[in-house]
Amino acid sequence: MNISNPILIKEMRTRMRGRRSFLVLTGYVLVLSLILGLVYLVLSNNAPTSVVSSAGRYLTPVLIFVQMGLICLIAPTFSASAISSEREQETFDLLVVSLARPSTIVFGKVGASLSYLLLTLFGSLPLIALTWSLGGVALGDVAIAYLVMLVAGVTYCSMSFMWSTLVRRGVFAQLLSLFTVIFLVAAMPALAMFFTALASNFSGGPSQGFINVVYLLMRTNPFAAIAYLLFGLPMPQGVWMEKVPIWITQVIFYLGLTALSLFFSLRRLERVRKWL
């Protein structure tokens, strides 16, 4: 990404000089700290000494899963109004017909939105370092879990930006972005589990092809990828890509969604520019 991008510089100055970046980071770290403190308090008061001595085995997954949940909630809102707000302020036509190319607009707007994501992830590093120091989790697994969260956040920002280019109102773009994230994170795994429960009632049980499809759906879920990393969940024998870690297929799938979202956003801006 070109750091001399004028759209990126303008958006970064506008976003980082306001109070929102301070409030987002403070609230994010405060929520994580409170949840970790409550979990550790419960462990220290109720768990045996052997469990408390290796509290990192329990605190690190809690921190990562809570972070992933917060990213699913806040990342779609980072860029959902990037273009819709330009339309509402009647500056979109001026932006499109300016000397800035559509690619400059796309990467400038999305790059500025991703600054919030990087800010929150880097802000949680002291907390994850504290929980990791308590033991129980490998540093490599923590690093891959952060990679999964980063890729998921980039995908959600890119998809919300795509909706912003297609929808005129920022509120509608945010709603569509949240619904898309809910579908990817909750609806697809729920659909897979529903089909599994339905097929288990049939005589003979589900076929091998059906099981393969169900696990392919689960491979697109970032929470499943993190659970596979931290807990070492086994894969059933004979399923497709049995030896391939879940996080690899999940990252590849999300990177594909990111590329498609940016491509459609770019085509949309190019079409508007030609029309004007």
C-alpha atoms as a PDB file:
ATOM      1  CA  MET A   1       0.000   0.000   0.000  1.00  0.00           C
ATOM      2  CA  ASN A   2       1.377   3.400  -1.005  1.00  0.00           C
ATOM      3  CA  ILE A   3       1.827   5.539   2.128  1.00  0.00           C
ATOM      4  CA  SER A   4       1.848   8.699  -0.032  1.00  0.00           C
ATOM      5  CA  ASN A   5      -1.765   8.024  -0.955  1.00  0.00           C
ATOM      6  CA  PRO A   6      -3.499  11.410  -0.424  1.00  0.00           C
ATOM      7  CA  ILE A   7      -6.820   9.780   0.502  1.00  0.00           C
ATOM      8  CA  LEU A   8      -5.062   7.635   3.109  1.00  0.00           C
ATOM      9  CA  ILE A   9      -3.223  10.624   4.583  1.00  0.00           C
ATOM     10  CA  LYS A  10      -6.390  12.717   4.753  1.00  0.00           C
ATOM     11  CA  GLU A  11      -8.459   9.912   6.315  1.00  0.00           C
ATOM     12  CA  MET A  12      -5.736   9.036   8.832  1.00  0.00           C
ATOM     13  CA  ARG A  13      -5.450  12.647   9.958  1.00  0.00           C
ATOM     14  CA  THR A  14      -9.220  12.964  10.269  1.00  0.00           C
ATOM     15  CA  ARG A  15      -9.677   9.707  12.168  1.00  0.00           C
ATOM     16  CA  MET A  16      -6.645   9.761  14.464  1.00  0.00           C
ATOM     17  CA  ARG A  17      -7.018  13.392  15.536  1.00  0.00           C
ATOM     18  CA  GLY A  18     -10.533  12.858  16.820  1.00  0.00           C
ATOM     19  CA  ARG A  19     -11.675  11.379  20.102  1.00  0.00           C
ATOM     20  CA  ARG A  20     -13.076   8.247  18.502  1.00  0.00           C
ATOM     21  CA  SER A  21      -9.711   6.484  18.174  1.00  0.00           C
ATOM     22  CA  PHE A  22      -8.926   7.183  21.832  1.00  0.00           C
ATOM     23  CA  LEU A  23     -12.352   5.987  22.971  1.00  0.00           C
ATOM     24  CA  VAL A  24     -12.260   2.860  20.790  1.00  0.00           C
ATOM     25  CA  LEU A  25      -8.848   1.786  22.058  1.00  0.00           C
ATOM     26  CA  THR A  26      -9.616   2.629  25.685  1.00  0.00           C
ATOM     27  CA  GLY A  27     -12.956   0.841  25.645  1.00  0.00           C
ATOM     28  CA  TYR A  28     -11.483  -2.171  23.848  1.00  0.00           C
ATOM     29  CA  VAL A  29      -8.623  -2.656  26.308  1.00  0.00           C
ATOM     30  CA  LEU A  30     -10.885  -1.919  29.285  1.00  0.00           C
ATOM     31  CA  VAL A  31     -13.397  -4.594  28.268  1.00  0.00           C
ATOM     32  CA  LEU A  32     -10.642  -7.162  27.764  1.00  0.00           C
ATOM     33  CA  SER A  33      -9.033  -6.274  31.100  1.00  0.00           C
ATOM     34  CA  LEU A  34     -12.311  -6.556  32.999  1.00  0.00           C
ATOM     35  CA  ILE A  35     -13.139  -9.943  31.481  1.00  0.00           C
ATOM     36  CA  LEU A  36      -9.661 -11.305  32.188  1.00  0.00           C
ATOM     37  CA  GLY A  37      -9.786  -9.976  35.738  1.00  0.00           C
ATOM     38  CA  LEU A  38     -13.139 -11.617  36.411  1.00  0.00           C
ATOM     39  CA  VAL A  39     -12.028 -14.960  34.970  1.00  0.00           C
ATOM     40  CA  TYR A  40      -8.801 -14.920  36.969  1.00  0.00           C
ATOM     41  CA  LEU A  41     -10.728 -13.988  40.118  1.00  0.00           C
ATOM     42  CA  VAL A  42     -13.064 -16.941  39.644  1.00  0.00           C
ATOM     43  CA  LEU A  43     -10.122 -19.286  39.003  1.00  0.00           C
ATOM     44  CA  SER A  44      -8.141 -18.107  42.016  1.00  0.00           C
ATOM     45  CA  ASN A  45     -11.118 -18.461  44.365  1.00  0.00           C
ATOM     46  CA  ASN A  46     -12.574 -21.753  43.133  1.00  0.00           C
ATOM     47  CA  ALA A  47      -9.964 -23.720  41.159  1.00  0.00           C
ATOM     48  CA  PRO A  48      -7.252 -25.883  42.730  1.00  0.00           C
ATOM     49  CA  THR A  49      -3.691 -24.628  42.985  1.00  0.00           C
ATOM     50  CA  SER A  50      -2.545 -26.725  40.028  1.00  0.00           C
ATOM     51  CA  VAL A  51      -5.048 -24.959  37.781  1.00  0.00           C
ATOM     52  CA  VAL A  52      -4.200 -21.482  39.078  1.00  0.00           C
ATOM     53  CA  SER A  53      -0.484 -22.086  38.535  1.00  0.00           C
ATOM     54  CA  SER A  54      -1.159 -22.659  34.806  1.00  0.00           C
ATOM     55  CA  ALA A  55      -3.872 -20.018  34.448  1.00  0.00           C
ATOM     56  CA  GLY A  56      -2.517 -18.973  31.065  1.00  0.00           C
ATOM     57  CA  ARG A  57      -3.992 -22.136  29.576  1.00  0.00           C
ATOM     58  CA  TYR A  58      -7.447 -20.754  30.363  1.00  0.00           C
ATOM     59  CA  LEU A  59      -6.917 -16.988  30.216  1.00  0.00           C
ATOM     60  CA  THR A  60      -5.256 -16.926  26.791  1.00  0.00           C
ATOM     61  CA  PRO A  61      -8.145 -18.669  24.959  1.00  0.00           C
ATOM     62  CA  VAL A  62     -10.640 -16.416  26.778  1.00  0.00           C
ATOM     63  CA  LEU A  63      -8.739 -13.306  25.680  1.00  0.00           C
ATOM     64  CA  ILE A  64      -8.425 -14.437  22.067  1.00  0.00           C
ATOM     65  CA  PHE A  65     -12.062 -15.533  21.735  1.00  0.00           C
ATOM     66  CA  VAL A  66     -13.319 -12.287  23.290  1.00  0.00           C
ATOM     67  CA  GLN A  67     -11.090 -10.325  20.915  1.00  0.00           C
ATOM     68  CA  MET A  68     -12.438 -12.254  17.962  1.00  0.00           C
ATOM     69  CA  GLY A  69     -15.980 -11.522  19.074  1.00  0.00           C
ATOM     70  CA  LEU A  70     -15.229  -7.807  19.458  1.00  0.00           C
ATOM     71  CA  ILE A  71     -13.630  -7.722  16.013  1.00  0.00           C
ATOM     72  CA  CYS A  72     -16.777  -9.274  14.534  1.00  0.00           C
ATOM     73  CA  LEU A  73     -18.820  -6.491  16.134  1.00  0.00           C
ATOM     74  CA  ILE A  74     -16.672  -3.411  15.516  1.00  0.00           C
ATOM     75  CA  ALA A  75     -14.648  -4.163  12.364  1.00  0.00           C
ATOM     76  CA  PRO A  76     -17.693  -3.949  10.017  1.00  0.00           C
ATOM     77  CA  THR A  77     -18.419  -0.443  11.298  1.00  0.00           C
ATOM     78  CA  PHE A  78     -14.951   0.919  10.529  1.00  0.00           C
ATOM     79  CA  SER A  79     -15.531   1.402   6.802  1.00  0.00           C
ATOM     80  CA  ALA A  80     -19.284   0.898   6.386  1.00  0.00           C
ATOM     81  CA  SER A  81     -19.821   4.646   5.968  1.00  0.00           C
ATOM     82  CA  ALA A  82     -16.637   5.434   4.039  1.00  0.00           C
ATOM     83  CA  ILE A  83     -18.458   6.107   0.754  1.00  0.00           C
ATOM     84  CA  SER A  84     -22.014   6.407   2.063  1.00  0.00           C
ATOM     85  CA  SER A  85     -21.002   9.408   4.167  1.00  0.00           C
ATOM     86  CA  GLU A  86     -19.530  11.051   1.060  1.00  0.00           C
ATOM     87  CA  ARG A  87     -22.913  10.654  -0.638  1.00  0.00           C
ATOM     88  CA  GLU A  88     -24.791  12.014   2.369  1.00  0.00           C
ATOM     89  CA  GLN A  89     -22.485  15.050   2.512  1.00  0.00           C
ATOM     90  CA  GLU A  90     -22.792  15.480  -1.277  1.00  0.00           C
ATOM     91  CA  THR A  91     -19.020  15.229  -1.794  1.00  0.00           C
ATOM     92  CA  PHE A  92     -18.981  11.857  -3.523  1.00  0.00           C
ATOM     93  CA  ASP A  93     -19.144  13.296  -7.052  1.00  0.00           C
ATOM     94  CA  LEU A  94     -16.234  15.624  -6.305  1.00  0.00           C
ATOM     95  CA  LEU A  95     -14.210  12.726  -4.928  1.00  0.00           C
ATOM     96  CA  VAL A  96     -14.852  10.477  -7.914  1.00  0.00           C
ATOM     97  CA  VAL A  97     -14.087  13.084 -10.595  1.00  0.00           C
ATOM     98  CA  SER A  98     -10.929  14.285  -8.824  1.00  0.00           C
ATOM     99  CA  LEU A  99      -7.414  13.334  -9.939  1.00  0.00           C
ATOM    100  CA  ALA A 100      -7.434  10.431  -7.497  1.00  0.00           C
ATOM    101  CA  ARG A 101      -7.871   7.117  -9.276  1.00  0.00           C
ATOM    102  CA  PRO A 102     -10.514   4.642  -8.062  1.00  0.00           C
ATOM    103  CA  SER A 103      -7.752   2.362  -6.776  1.00  0.00           C
ATOM    104  CA  THR A 104      -6.338   5.271  -4.763  1.00  0.00           C
ATOM    105  CA  ILE A 105      -9.757   5.885  -3.221  1.00  0.00           C
ATOM    106  CA  VAL A 106     -10.306   2.214  -2.402  1.00  0.00           C
ATOM    107  CA  PHE A 107      -6.942   1.581  -0.765  1.00  0.00           C
ATOM    108  CA  GLY A 108      -6.959   4.969   0.958  1.00  0.00           C
ATOM    109  CA  LYS A 109     -10.386   4.487   2.527  1.00  0.00           C
ATOM    110  CA  VAL A 110      -9.862   0.825   3.425  1.00  0.00           C
ATOM    111  CA  GLY A 111      -6.336   1.463   4.692  1.00  0.00           C
ATOM    112  CA  ALA A 112      -7.552   4.195   7.032  1.00  0.00           C
ATOM    113  CA  SER A 113     -10.295   1.879   8.307  1.00  0.00           C
ATOM    114  CA  LEU A 114      -7.761  -0.849   8.973  1.00  0.00           C
ATOM    115  CA  SER A 115      -5.784   1.542  11.166  1.00  0.00           C
ATOM    116  CA  TYR A 116      -8.443   1.088  13.864  1.00  0.00           C
ATOM    117  CA  LEU A 117      -8.115  -2.682  13.570  1.00  0.00           C
ATOM    118  CA  LEU A 118      -4.331  -2.557  13.928  1.00  0.00           C
ATOM    119  CA  LEU A 119      -4.709  -0.114  16.803  1.00  0.00           C
ATOM    120  CA  THR A 120      -6.944  -2.484  18.751  1.00  0.00           C
ATOM    121  CA  LEU A 121      -4.829  -5.564  18.038  1.00  0.00           C
ATOM    122  CA  PHE A 122      -1.602  -3.853  19.061  1.00  0.00           C
ATOM    123  CA  GLY A 123      -3.349  -2.423  22.116  1.00  0.00           C
ATOM    124  CA  SER A 124      -4.094  -5.928  23.385  1.00  0.00           C
ATOM    125  CA  LEU A 125      -0.489  -7.162  23.069  1.00  0.00           C
ATOM    126  CA  PRO A 126       0.416  -6.343  26.706  1.00  0.00           C
ATOM    127  CA  LEU A 127      -2.568  -8.384  27.886  1.00  0.00           C
ATOM    128  CA  ILE A 128      -1.761 -11.383  25.686  1.00  0.00           C
ATOM    129  CA  ALA A 129       1.869 -11.191  26.803  1.00  0.00           C
ATOM    130  CA  LEU A 130       0.699 -11.327  30.424  1.00  0.00           C
ATOM    131  CA  THR A 131      -1.547 -14.350  29.893  1.00  0.00           C
ATOM    132  CA  TRP A 132       1.059 -16.157  27.780  1.00  0.00           C
ATOM    133  CA  SER A 133       3.682 -15.660  30.499  1.00  0.00           C
ATOM    134  CA  LEU A 134       1.466 -17.677  32.834  1.00  0.00           C
ATOM    135  CA  GLY A 135       2.101 -20.731  30.644  1.00  0.00           C
ATOM    136  CA  GLY A 136      -0.017 -23.365  28.978  1.00  0.00           C
ATOM    137  CA  VAL A 137      -0.099 -21.997  25.396  1.00  0.00           C
ATOM    138  CA  ALA A 138       2.623 -22.006  22.738  1.00  0.00           C
ATOM    139  CA  LEU A 139       3.788 -18.655  21.404  1.00  0.00           C
ATOM    140  CA  GLY A 140       3.424 -19.888  17.818  1.00  0.00           C
ATOM    141  CA  ASP A 141      -0.245 -20.700  18.364  1.00  0.00           C
ATOM    142  CA  VAL A 142      -0.842 -17.222  19.793  1.00  0.00           C
ATOM    143  CA  ALA A 143       0.862 -15.630  16.771  1.00  0.00           C
ATOM    144  CA  ILE A 144      -1.260 -17.665  14.334  1.00  0.00           C
ATOM    145  CA  ALA A 145      -4.395 -16.773  16.304  1.00  0.00           C
ATOM    146  CA  TYR A 146      -3.524 -13.097  15.858  1.00  0.00           C
ATOM    147  CA  LEU A 147      -3.029 -13.738  12.146  1.00  0.00           C
ATOM    148  CA  VAL A 148      -6.515 -15.268  11.975  1.00  0.00           C
ATOM    149  CA  MET A 149      -7.997 -12.244  13.769  1.00  0.00           C
ATOM    150  CA  LEU A 150      -6.123  -9.814  11.530  1.00  0.00           C
ATOM    151  CA  VAL A 151      -7.253 -11.517   8.317  1.00  0.00           C
ATOM    152  CA  ALA A 152     -10.836 -11.705   9.604  1.00  0.00           C
ATOM    153  CA  GLY A 153     -10.794  -7.996  10.460  1.00  0.00           C
ATOM    154  CA  VAL A 154      -9.377  -7.081   7.043  1.00  0.00           C
ATOM    155  CA  THR A 155     -12.102  -9.149   5.379  1.00  0.00           C
ATOM    156  CA  TYR A 156     -14.890  -7.558   7.396  1.00  0.00           C
ATOM    157  CA  CYS A 157     -13.564  -4.046   6.685  1.00  0.00           C
ATOM    158  CA  SER A 158     -13.308  -4.810   2.969  1.00  0.00           C
ATOM    159  CA  MET A 159     -16.803  -6.256   2.783  1.00  0.00           C
ATOM    160  CA  SER A 160     -18.286  -3.321   4.696  1.00  0.00           C
ATOM    161  CA  PHE A 161     -16.536  -0.942   2.295  1.00  0.00           C
ATOM    162  CA  MET A 162     -18.076  -2.826  -0.611  1.00  0.00           C
ATOM    163  CA  TRP A 163     -21.527  -2.349   0.897  1.00  0.00           C
ATOM    164  CA  SER A 164     -20.710   1.315   1.390  1.00  0.00           C
ATOM    165  CA  THR A 165     -20.103   1.694  -2.344  1.00  0.00           C
ATOM    166  CA  LEU A 166     -23.397  -0.028  -3.174  1.00  0.00           C
ATOM    167  CA  VAL A 167     -25.731   1.514  -0.586  1.00  0.00           C
ATOM    168  CA  ARG A 168     -26.451   5.219  -0.358  1.00  0.00           C
ATOM    169  CA  ARG A 169     -27.168   5.363   3.384  1.00  0.00           C
ATOM    170  CA  GLY A 170     -24.468   4.683   5.943  1.00  0.00           C
ATOM    171  CA  VAL A 171     -26.899   3.112   8.413  1.00  0.00           C
ATOM    172  CA  PHE A 172     -28.058   0.570   5.828  1.00  0.00           C
ATOM    173  CA  ALA A 173     -24.453  -0.175   4.881  1.00  0.00           C
ATOM    174  CA  GLN A 174     -23.620  -0.885   8.533  1.00  0.00           C
ATOM    175  CA  LEU A 175     -26.638  -3.163   8.915  1.00  0.00           C
ATOM    176  CA  LEU A 176     -25.769  -5.105   5.776  1.00  0.00           C
ATOM    177  CA  SER A 177     -22.168  -5.408   6.955  1.00  0.00           C
ATOM    178  CA  LEU A 178     -23.234  -6.772  10.344  1.00  0.00           C
ATOM    179  CA  PHE A 179     -25.664  -9.227   8.736  1.00  0.00           C
ATOM    180  CA  THR A 180     -22.896 -10.437   6.420  1.00  0.00           C
ATOM    181  CA  VAL A 181     -20.548 -11.018   9.352  1.00  0.00           C
ATOM    182  CA  ILE A 182     -23.280 -12.816  11.295  1.00  0.00           C
ATOM    183  CA  PHE A 183     -23.900 -15.061   8.295  1.00  0.00           C
ATOM    184  CA  LEU A 184     -20.203 -15.928   7.961  1.00  0.00           C
ATOM    185  CA  VAL A 185     -19.524 -16.413  11.667  1.00  0.00           C
ATOM    186  CA  ALA A 186     -22.771 -17.875  13.006  1.00  0.00           C
ATOM    187  CA  ALA A 187     -25.170 -18.868  10.229  1.00  0.00           C
ATOM    188  CA  MET A 188     -22.823 -21.113   8.243  1.00  0.00           C
ATOM    189  CA  PRO A 189     -21.648 -23.197  11.261  1.00  0.00           C
ATOM    190  CA  ALA A 190     -25.218 -23.334  12.580  1.00  0.00           C
ATOM    191  CA  LEU A 191     -26.372 -24.582   9.196  1.00  0.00           C
ATOM    192  CA  ALA A 192     -23.662 -27.230   9.210  1.00  0.00           C
ATOM    193  CA  MET A 193     -24.623 -28.444  12.692  1.00  0.00           C
ATOM    194  CA  PHE A 194     -28.311 -28.436  11.755  1.00  0.00           C
ATOM    195  CA  PHE A 195     -27.688 -30.604   8.713  1.00  0.00           C
ATOM    196  CA  THR A 196     -25.514 -32.933  10.804  1.00  0.00           C
ATOM    197  CA  ALA A 197     -28.242 -33.362  13.426  1.00  0.00           C
ATOM    198  CA  LEU A 198     -30.850 -33.872  10.710  1.00  0.00           C
ATOM    199  CA  ALA A 199     -28.815 -36.471   8.873  1.00  0.00           C
ATOM    200  CA  SER A 200     -28.034 -38.378  12.077  1.00  0.00           C
ATOM    201  CA  ASN A 201     -31.730 -39.219  12.404  1.00  0.00           C
ATOM    202  CA  PHE A 202     -31.774 -41.023   9.078  1.00  0.00           C
ATOM    203  CA  SER A 203     -31.129 -44.714   8.900  1.00  0.00           C
ATOM    204  CA  GLY A 204     -27.452 -45.414   8.341  1.00  0.00           C
ATOM    205  CA  GLY A 205     -26.355 -41.920   9.364  1.00  0.00           C
ATOM    206  CA  PRO A 206     -24.869 -39.221   7.126  1.00  0.00           C
ATOM    207  CA  SER A 207     -22.826 -40.191   4.103  1.00  0.00           C
ATOM    208  CA  GLN A 208     -19.102 -39.428   3.810  1.00  0.00           C
ATOM    209  CA  GLY A 209     -19.753 -36.767   1.189  1.00  0.00           C
ATOM    210  CA  PHE A 210     -22.214 -35.047   3.488  1.00  0.00           C
ATOM    211  CA  ILE A 211     -19.678 -35.050   6.335  1.00  0.00           C
ATOM    212  CA  ASN A 212     -17.067 -33.573   4.003  1.00  0.00           C
ATOM    213  CA  VAL A 213     -19.375 -30.699   3.080  1.00  0.00           C
ATOM    214  CA  VAL A 214     -20.208 -30.030   6.731  1.00  0.00           C
ATOM    215  CA  TYR A 215     -16.537 -29.813   7.691  1.00  0.00           C
ATOM    216  CA  LEU A 216     -15.817 -27.601   4.713  1.00  0.00           C
ATOM    217  CA  LEU A 217     -18.388 -25.162   6.093  1.00  0.00           C
ATOM    218  CA  MET A 218     -16.740 -25.322   9.504  1.00  0.00           C
ATOM    219  CA  ARG A 219     -13.353 -24.602   7.935  1.00  0.00           C
ATOM    220  CA  THR A 220     -14.539 -21.118   6.966  1.00  0.00           C
ATOM    221  CA  ASN A 221     -15.143 -20.098  10.581  1.00  0.00           C
ATOM    222  CA  PRO A 222     -12.440 -18.093  12.434  1.00  0.00           C
ATOM    223  CA  PHE A 223     -13.619 -19.335  15.839  1.00  0.00           C
ATOM    224  CA  ALA A 224     -13.196 -22.933  14.666  1.00  0.00           C
ATOM    225  CA  ALA A 225      -9.709 -22.081  13.392  1.00  0.00           C
ATOM    226  CA  ILE A 226      -8.727 -20.586  16.758  1.00  0.00           C
ATOM    227  CA  ALA A 227     -10.229 -23.529  18.660  1.00  0.00           C
ATOM    228  CA  TYR A 228      -8.243 -25.916  16.458  1.00  0.00           C
ATOM    229  CA  LEU A 229      -5.066 -23.997  17.300  1.00  0.00           C
ATOM    230  CA  LEU A 230      -5.492 -23.619  21.033  1.00  0.00           C
ATOM    231  CA  PHE A 231      -7.217 -26.894  21.901  1.00  0.00           C
ATOM    232  CA  GLY A 232      -5.944 -29.196  19.141  1.00  0.00           C
ATOM    233  CA  LEU A 233      -9.377 -30.405  18.064  1.00  0.00           C
ATOM    234  CA  PRO A 234      -9.024 -33.658  16.089  1.00  0.00           C
ATOM    235  CA  MET A 235     -10.411 -34.059  12.581  1.00  0.00           C
ATOM    236  CA  PRO A 236     -12.505 -37.146  11.733  1.00  0.00           C
ATOM    237  CA  GLN A 237     -10.827 -39.827   9.704  1.00  0.00           C
ATOM    238  CA  GLY A 238     -11.392 -39.707   5.958  1.00  0.00           C
ATOM    239  CA  VAL A 239     -12.661 -36.115   5.599  1.00  0.00           C
ATOM    240  CA  TRP A 240     -11.328 -33.844   2.879  1.00  0.00           C
ATOM    241  CA  MET A 241      -8.013 -32.145   3.693  1.00  0.00           C
ATOM    242  CA  GLU A 242      -7.717 -34.099   6.904  1.00  0.00           C
ATOM    243  CA  LYS A 243      -4.043 -33.202   7.324  1.00  0.00           C
ATOM    244  CA  VAL A 244      -4.487 -29.501   6.481  1.00  0.00           C
ATOM    245  CA  PRO A 245      -4.946 -27.273   9.561  1.00  0.00           C
ATOM    246  CA  ILE A 246      -8.282 -25.490   9.739  1.00  0.00           C
ATOM    247  CA  TRP A 247      -6.679 -22.065  10.113  1.00  0.00           C
ATOM    248  CA  ILE A 248      -4.960 -22.367   6.715  1.00  0.00           C
ATOM    249  CA  THR A 249      -8.191 -22.961   4.802  1.00  0.00           C
ATOM    250  CA  GLN A 250      -9.971 -20.276   6.837  1.00  0.00           C
ATOM    251  CA  VAL A 251      -7.286 -17.673   6.067  1.00  0.00           C
ATOM    252  CA  ILE A 252      -7.296 -18.570   2.362  1.00  0.00           C
ATOM    253  CA  PHE A 253     -11.095 -18.365   2.226  1.00  0.00           C
ATOM    254  CA  TYR A 254     -11.157 -14.967   3.928  1.00  0.00           C
ATOM    255  CA  LEU A 255      -8.369 -13.623   1.722  1.00  0.00           C
ATOM    256  CA  GLY A 256     -10.455 -14.658  -1.284  1.00  0.00           C
ATOM    257  CA  LEU A 257     -13.459 -12.790   0.133  1.00  0.00           C
ATOM    258  CA  THR A 258     -11.243  -9.741   0.688  1.00  0.00           C
ATOM    259  CA  ALA A 259     -10.011  -9.801  -2.909  1.00  0.00           C
ATOM    260  CA  LEU A 260     -13.567 -10.136  -4.253  1.00  0.00           C
ATOM    261  CA  SER A 261     -14.837  -7.301  -2.052  1.00  0.00           C
ATOM    262  CA  LEU A 262     -12.072  -4.945  -3.140  1.00  0.00           C
ATOM    263  CA  PHE A 263     -12.559  -5.939  -6.774  1.00  0.00           C
ATOM    264  CA  PHE A 264     -16.295  -5.202  -6.728  1.00  0.00           C
ATOM    265  CA  SER A 265     -15.682  -1.936  -4.878  1.00  0.00           C
ATOM    266  CA  LEU A 266     -13.144  -0.886  -7.477  1.00  0.00           C
ATOM    267  CA  ARG A 267     -15.434  -1.791 -10.363  1.00  0.00           C
ATOM    268  CA  ARG A 268     -18.264   0.148  -8.746  1.00  0.00           C
ATOM    269  CA  LEU A 269     -16.168   3.316  -8.404  1.00  0.00           C
ATOM    270  CA  GLU A 270     -14.849   2.965 -11.948  1.00  0.00           C
ATOM    271  CA  ARG A 271     -18.394   2.614 -13.279  1.00  0.00           C
ATOM    272  CA  VAL A 272     -19.552   5.725 -11.387  1.00  0.00           C
ATOM    273  CA  ARG A 273     -16.553   7.677 -12.644  1.00  0.00           C
ATOM    274  CA  LYS A 274     -17.257   6.759 -16.276  1.00  0.00           C
ATOM    275  CA  TRP A 275     -20.911   7.657 -15.870  1.00  0.00           C
ATOM    276  CA  LEU A 276     -20.023  11.070 -14.472  1.00  0.00           C
END
